[in-house]
């Protein structure tokens, strides 16, 4: 009987680890700045700067809670309706921001 309890406890523990791992991987959200100037991005719960010609990947982030706003150096803003999810990429250009789907190879 003790052996059966150990096997059951081990199976439950393994299930908990696998379940936690699956729930904890929210996905990566990518932002690319193809524009000539740095831009400030607000995802609704995060705000950060993305350098001109650069990019940012938010690891284990998942979907944005709402719209995504890009604030450019000259004060203009551009908004894309959210949520934006890891199967999409936020692409900033010269005074614009777009969302495009990612392909299976991540580009």
N, C-alpha and C. Protein backbone atom coordinates (compact mmCIF):
# COMPACT_ATOMS: atom_id res chain seq x y z
N UNK A 1 0.82 -1.19 0.00
CA UNK A 1 0.00 0.00 0.00
C UNK A 1 0.87 1.26 0.00
N UNK A 2 1.98 1.26 0.69
CA UNK A 2 2.87 2.42 0.74
C UNK A 2 3.43 2.72 -0.63
N UNK A 3 3.77 1.69 -1.38
CA UNK A 3 4.31 1.86 -2.73
C UNK A 3 3.28 2.55 -3.64
N UNK A 4 2.04 2.17 -3.54
CA UNK A 4 0.98 2.77 -4.36
C UNK A 4 0.82 4.25 -3.99
N UNK A 5 0.88 4.57 -2.72
CA UNK A 5 0.78 5.97 -2.30
C UNK A 5 1.93 6.79 -2.86
N UNK A 6 3.13 6.22 -2.84
CA UNK A 6 4.29 6.94 -3.38
C UNK A 6 4.13 7.18 -4.88
N UNK A 7 3.67 6.17 -5.60
CA UNK A 7 3.46 6.33 -7.03
C UNK A 7 2.40 7.39 -7.32
N UNK A 8 1.33 7.36 -6.56
CA UNK A 8 0.26 8.34 -6.73
C UNK A 8 0.77 9.75 -6.41
N UNK A 9 1.51 9.89 -5.33
CA UNK A 9 2.06 11.19 -4.95
C UNK A 9 3.03 11.69 -6.02
N UNK A 10 3.85 10.80 -6.55
CA UNK A 10 4.79 11.17 -7.62
C UNK A 10 4.06 11.61 -8.88
N UNK A 11 3.01 10.89 -9.24
CA UNK A 11 2.23 11.25 -10.43
C UNK A 11 1.56 12.61 -10.24
N UNK A 12 1.03 12.87 -9.06
CA UNK A 12 0.40 14.16 -8.79
C UNK A 12 1.42 15.29 -8.83
N UNK A 13 2.60 15.06 -8.27
CA UNK A 13 3.65 16.07 -8.28
C UNK A 13 4.11 16.37 -9.70
N UNK A 14 4.26 15.33 -10.52
CA UNK A 14 4.66 15.52 -11.91
C UNK A 14 3.59 16.30 -12.66
N UNK A 15 2.34 15.97 -12.44
CA UNK A 15 1.24 16.69 -13.07
C UNK A 15 1.22 18.15 -12.68
N UNK A 16 1.52 18.45 -11.44
CA UNK A 16 1.54 19.83 -10.97
C UNK A 16 2.67 20.61 -11.64
N UNK A 17 3.83 19.98 -11.79
CA UNK A 17 4.96 20.65 -12.44
C UNK A 17 4.65 20.90 -13.91
N UNK A 18 4.14 19.90 -14.60
CA UNK A 18 3.80 20.06 -16.00
C UNK A 18 2.71 21.11 -16.16
N UNK A 19 1.70 21.09 -15.33
CA UNK A 19 0.63 22.08 -15.39
C UNK A 19 1.13 23.47 -15.13
N UNK A 20 2.02 23.65 -14.19
CA UNK A 20 2.57 24.96 -13.88
C UNK A 20 3.42 25.46 -15.04
N UNK A 21 4.20 24.59 -15.63
CA UNK A 21 5.03 25.00 -16.76
C UNK A 21 4.18 25.43 -17.92
N UNK A 22 3.13 24.71 -18.21
CA UNK A 22 2.26 25.06 -19.33
C UNK A 22 1.56 26.39 -19.08
N UNK A 23 1.11 26.65 -17.88
CA UNK A 23 0.41 27.89 -17.57
C UNK A 23 1.35 29.07 -17.49
N UNK A 24 2.60 28.84 -17.14
CA UNK A 24 3.55 29.93 -16.95
C UNK A 24 4.13 30.47 -18.23
N UNK A 25 3.98 29.78 -19.36
CA UNK A 25 4.55 30.22 -20.61
C UNK A 25 3.52 31.03 -21.38
N UNK A 26 3.51 32.33 -21.15
CA UNK A 26 2.51 33.20 -21.76
C UNK A 26 2.87 33.59 -23.18
N UNK A 27 4.10 33.38 -23.59
CA UNK A 27 4.53 33.75 -24.93
C UNK A 27 5.35 35.02 -24.93
N UNK A 28 6.01 35.27 -26.05
CA UNK A 28 6.87 36.44 -26.19
C UNK A 28 6.19 37.46 -27.10
N UNK A 29 6.19 38.70 -26.68
CA UNK A 29 5.63 39.78 -27.48
C UNK A 29 6.78 40.58 -28.07
N UNK A 30 6.79 40.72 -29.41
CA UNK A 30 7.89 41.39 -30.11
C UNK A 30 7.48 42.77 -30.58
N UNK A 31 8.41 43.72 -30.44
CA UNK A 31 8.23 45.08 -30.94
C UNK A 31 9.48 45.42 -31.74
N UNK A 32 9.29 45.88 -32.98
CA UNK A 32 10.40 46.27 -33.85
C UNK A 32 10.23 47.74 -34.21
N UNK A 33 11.33 48.49 -34.13
CA UNK A 33 11.31 49.91 -34.51
C UNK A 33 12.14 50.08 -35.77
N UNK A 34 11.46 50.17 -36.92
CA UNK A 34 12.12 50.40 -38.20
C UNK A 34 12.25 51.89 -38.52
N UNK A 35 11.80 52.72 -37.61
CA UNK A 35 11.83 54.17 -37.83
C UNK A 35 13.18 54.79 -37.53
N UNK A 36 13.33 56.08 -37.87
CA UNK A 36 14.60 56.78 -37.70
C UNK A 36 14.84 57.33 -36.28
N UNK A 37 13.81 57.28 -35.42
CA UNK A 37 13.94 57.85 -34.08
C UNK A 37 13.51 56.84 -33.02
N UNK A 38 14.01 57.06 -31.80
CA UNK A 38 13.56 56.25 -30.67
C UNK A 38 12.07 56.51 -30.45
N UNK A 39 11.38 55.53 -29.88
CA UNK A 39 9.95 55.65 -29.64
C UNK A 39 9.64 55.05 -28.27
N UNK A 40 8.67 55.64 -27.59
CA UNK A 40 8.21 55.09 -26.31
C UNK A 40 6.94 54.29 -26.57
N UNK A 41 6.94 53.06 -26.10
CA UNK A 41 5.81 52.15 -26.28
C UNK A 41 5.11 51.96 -24.95
N UNK A 42 3.79 52.05 -24.96
CA UNK A 42 2.98 51.73 -23.78
C UNK A 42 2.04 50.59 -24.16
N UNK A 43 2.14 49.48 -23.42
CA UNK A 43 1.28 48.32 -23.68
C UNK A 43 0.04 48.33 -22.81
N UNK A 44 -0.09 49.34 -21.97
CA UNK A 44 -1.21 49.41 -21.04
C UNK A 44 -0.78 49.12 -19.62
N UNK A 45 0.19 48.22 -19.46
CA UNK A 45 0.72 47.94 -18.13
C UNK A 45 2.24 48.04 -18.07
N UNK A 46 2.87 48.27 -19.21
CA UNK A 46 4.32 48.44 -19.30
C UNK A 46 4.60 49.64 -20.20
N UNK A 47 5.69 50.36 -19.91
CA UNK A 47 6.12 51.44 -20.78
C UNK A 47 7.63 51.39 -20.88
N UNK A 48 8.15 51.50 -22.10
CA UNK A 48 9.59 51.38 -22.32
C UNK A 48 9.95 52.03 -23.64
N UNK A 49 11.24 52.31 -23.81
CA UNK A 49 11.75 52.94 -25.02
C UNK A 49 12.34 51.88 -25.94
N UNK A 50 12.08 52.04 -27.24
CA UNK A 50 12.66 51.16 -28.24
C UNK A 50 13.50 52.04 -29.16
N UNK A 51 14.78 51.74 -29.24
CA UNK A 51 15.71 52.54 -30.03
C UNK A 51 15.42 52.46 -31.52
N UNK A 52 15.77 53.53 -32.23
CA UNK A 52 15.64 53.54 -33.69
C UNK A 52 16.42 52.37 -34.28
N UNK A 53 15.79 51.64 -35.18
CA UNK A 53 16.44 50.50 -35.80
C UNK A 53 16.59 49.30 -34.89
N UNK A 54 15.95 49.33 -33.73
CA UNK A 54 16.09 48.25 -32.76
C UNK A 54 14.79 47.51 -32.51
N UNK A 55 14.77 46.79 -31.43
CA UNK A 55 13.58 46.05 -31.07
C UNK A 55 13.63 45.58 -29.64
N UNK A 56 12.50 45.06 -29.19
CA UNK A 56 12.36 44.56 -27.82
C UNK A 56 11.51 43.30 -27.89
N UNK A 57 11.86 42.33 -27.06
CA UNK A 57 11.04 41.14 -26.90
C UNK A 57 10.67 41.03 -25.43
N UNK A 58 9.37 41.01 -25.15
CA UNK A 58 8.90 40.86 -23.77
C UNK A 58 8.67 39.37 -23.54
N UNK A 59 9.55 38.77 -22.75
CA UNK A 59 9.49 37.34 -22.49
C UNK A 59 8.37 37.01 -21.52
N UNK A 60 7.69 35.92 -21.77
CA UNK A 60 6.63 35.42 -20.89
C UNK A 60 5.61 36.51 -20.57
N UNK A 61 5.24 37.29 -21.59
CA UNK A 61 4.35 38.43 -21.40
C UNK A 61 2.90 38.12 -21.75
N UNK A 62 2.69 37.44 -22.84
CA UNK A 62 1.32 37.16 -23.28
C UNK A 62 0.75 38.33 -24.04
N UNK A 63 -0.56 38.50 -23.96
CA UNK A 63 -1.26 39.57 -24.68
C UNK A 63 -1.24 40.87 -23.88
N UNK A 64 -1.26 41.98 -24.61
CA UNK A 64 -1.38 43.28 -23.94
C UNK A 64 -2.78 43.36 -23.33
N UNK A 65 -2.93 44.11 -22.25
CA UNK A 65 -4.25 44.22 -21.63
C UNK A 65 -5.23 45.08 -22.44
N UNK A 66 -4.71 45.81 -23.41
CA UNK A 66 -5.57 46.69 -24.21
C UNK A 66 -4.80 47.23 -25.39
N UNK A 67 -5.07 48.47 -25.75
CA UNK A 67 -4.42 49.11 -26.89
C UNK A 67 -2.93 49.32 -26.63
N UNK A 68 -2.17 49.46 -27.72
CA UNK A 68 -0.74 49.76 -27.65
C UNK A 68 -0.54 51.15 -28.24
N UNK A 69 0.18 52.00 -27.49
CA UNK A 69 0.42 53.37 -27.91
C UNK A 69 1.91 53.58 -28.15
N UNK A 70 2.24 54.19 -29.29
CA UNK A 70 3.61 54.58 -29.59
C UNK A 70 3.68 56.10 -29.52
N UNK A 71 4.63 56.60 -28.73
CA UNK A 71 4.83 58.05 -28.61
C UNK A 71 6.18 58.38 -29.24
N UNK A 72 6.13 59.22 -30.28
CA UNK A 72 7.32 59.55 -31.04
C UNK A 72 8.02 60.77 -30.45
N UNK A 73 9.28 60.97 -30.84
CA UNK A 73 10.10 62.05 -30.29
C UNK A 73 9.49 63.43 -30.52
N UNK A 74 8.76 63.60 -31.63
CA UNK A 74 8.16 64.91 -31.93
C UNK A 74 6.83 65.13 -31.22
N UNK A 75 6.42 64.18 -30.37
CA UNK A 75 5.19 64.32 -29.60
C UNK A 75 3.97 63.63 -30.19
N UNK A 76 4.05 63.22 -31.44
CA UNK A 76 2.92 62.51 -32.05
C UNK A 76 2.73 61.16 -31.39
N UNK A 77 1.51 60.66 -31.43
CA UNK A 77 1.23 59.32 -30.93
C UNK A 77 0.48 58.54 -32.00
N UNK A 78 0.62 57.24 -31.95
CA UNK A 78 -0.12 56.34 -32.82
C UNK A 78 -0.60 55.19 -31.95
N UNK A 79 -1.83 54.76 -32.16
CA UNK A 79 -2.43 53.71 -31.34
C UNK A 79 -2.89 52.57 -32.23
N UNK A 80 -2.60 51.34 -31.79
CA UNK A 80 -3.19 50.17 -32.43
C UNK A 80 -4.12 49.52 -31.43
N UNK A 81 -5.31 49.12 -31.89
CA UNK A 81 -6.25 48.50 -30.97
C UNK A 81 -5.72 47.17 -30.45
N UNK A 82 -5.94 46.95 -29.19
CA UNK A 82 -5.50 45.71 -28.57
C UNK A 82 -6.67 44.83 -28.25
N UNK A 83 -6.40 43.72 -27.67
CA UNK A 83 -5.07 43.29 -27.26
C UNK A 83 -4.22 42.82 -28.44
N UNK A 84 -2.90 42.95 -28.28
CA UNK A 84 -1.93 42.41 -29.22
C UNK A 84 -1.30 41.21 -28.53
N UNK A 85 -1.24 40.08 -29.23
CA UNK A 85 -0.80 38.83 -28.63
C UNK A 85 0.50 38.32 -29.25
N UNK A 86 1.14 37.33 -28.62
CA UNK A 86 2.42 36.83 -29.10
C UNK A 86 2.45 36.28 -30.52
N UNK A 87 1.29 35.97 -31.11
CA UNK A 87 1.30 35.52 -32.50
C UNK A 87 1.33 36.70 -33.47
N UNK A 88 1.48 37.92 -32.92
CA UNK A 88 1.57 39.14 -33.71
C UNK A 88 2.82 39.91 -33.30
N UNK A 89 3.25 40.83 -34.16
CA UNK A 89 4.40 41.67 -33.86
C UNK A 89 4.00 43.13 -34.03
N UNK A 90 4.43 43.97 -33.11
CA UNK A 90 4.20 45.41 -33.19
C UNK A 90 5.37 45.98 -33.99
N UNK A 91 5.06 46.69 -35.09
CA UNK A 91 6.09 47.24 -35.96
C UNK A 91 5.91 48.75 -36.03
N UNK A 92 6.95 49.46 -35.59
CA UNK A 92 6.94 50.92 -35.58
C UNK A 92 7.73 51.40 -36.79
N UNK A 93 7.18 52.39 -37.48
CA UNK A 93 7.86 53.00 -38.62
C UNK A 93 7.98 54.49 -38.40
N UNK A 94 8.18 55.22 -39.44
CA UNK A 94 8.34 56.66 -39.37
C UNK A 94 6.97 57.30 -39.13
N UNK A 95 6.59 57.50 -37.87
CA UNK A 95 5.34 58.13 -37.51
C UNK A 95 4.14 57.20 -37.52
N UNK A 96 4.35 55.91 -37.60
CA UNK A 96 3.23 54.96 -37.64
C UNK A 96 3.56 53.74 -36.79
N UNK A 97 2.53 53.01 -36.44
CA UNK A 97 2.69 51.74 -35.74
C UNK A 97 1.65 50.78 -36.30
N UNK A 98 2.09 49.57 -36.60
CA UNK A 98 1.23 48.54 -37.17
C UNK A 98 1.40 47.25 -36.39
N UNK A 99 0.46 46.35 -36.61
CA UNK A 99 0.55 45.00 -36.04
C UNK A 99 0.50 44.05 -37.22
N UNK A 100 1.43 43.10 -37.24
CA UNK A 100 1.42 42.10 -38.31
C UNK A 100 1.54 40.72 -37.70
N UNK A 101 0.95 39.73 -38.34
CA UNK A 101 1.04 38.36 -37.81
C UNK A 101 2.45 37.81 -37.99
N UNK A 102 2.87 37.01 -37.03
CA UNK A 102 4.14 36.32 -37.13
C UNK A 102 3.93 35.02 -37.90
N UNK A 103 4.91 34.64 -38.68
CA UNK A 103 4.84 33.35 -39.35
C UNK A 103 5.37 32.28 -38.42
N UNK A 104 5.32 31.05 -38.84
CA UNK A 104 5.74 29.94 -37.97
C UNK A 104 7.21 30.01 -37.62
N UNK A 105 8.04 30.69 -38.42
CA UNK A 105 9.47 30.78 -38.08
C UNK A 105 9.80 32.03 -37.28
N UNK A 106 8.76 32.77 -36.84
CA UNK A 106 8.99 33.92 -35.96
C UNK A 106 9.27 35.22 -36.65
N UNK A 107 9.14 35.27 -37.98
CA UNK A 107 9.38 36.53 -38.70
C UNK A 107 8.18 36.95 -39.49
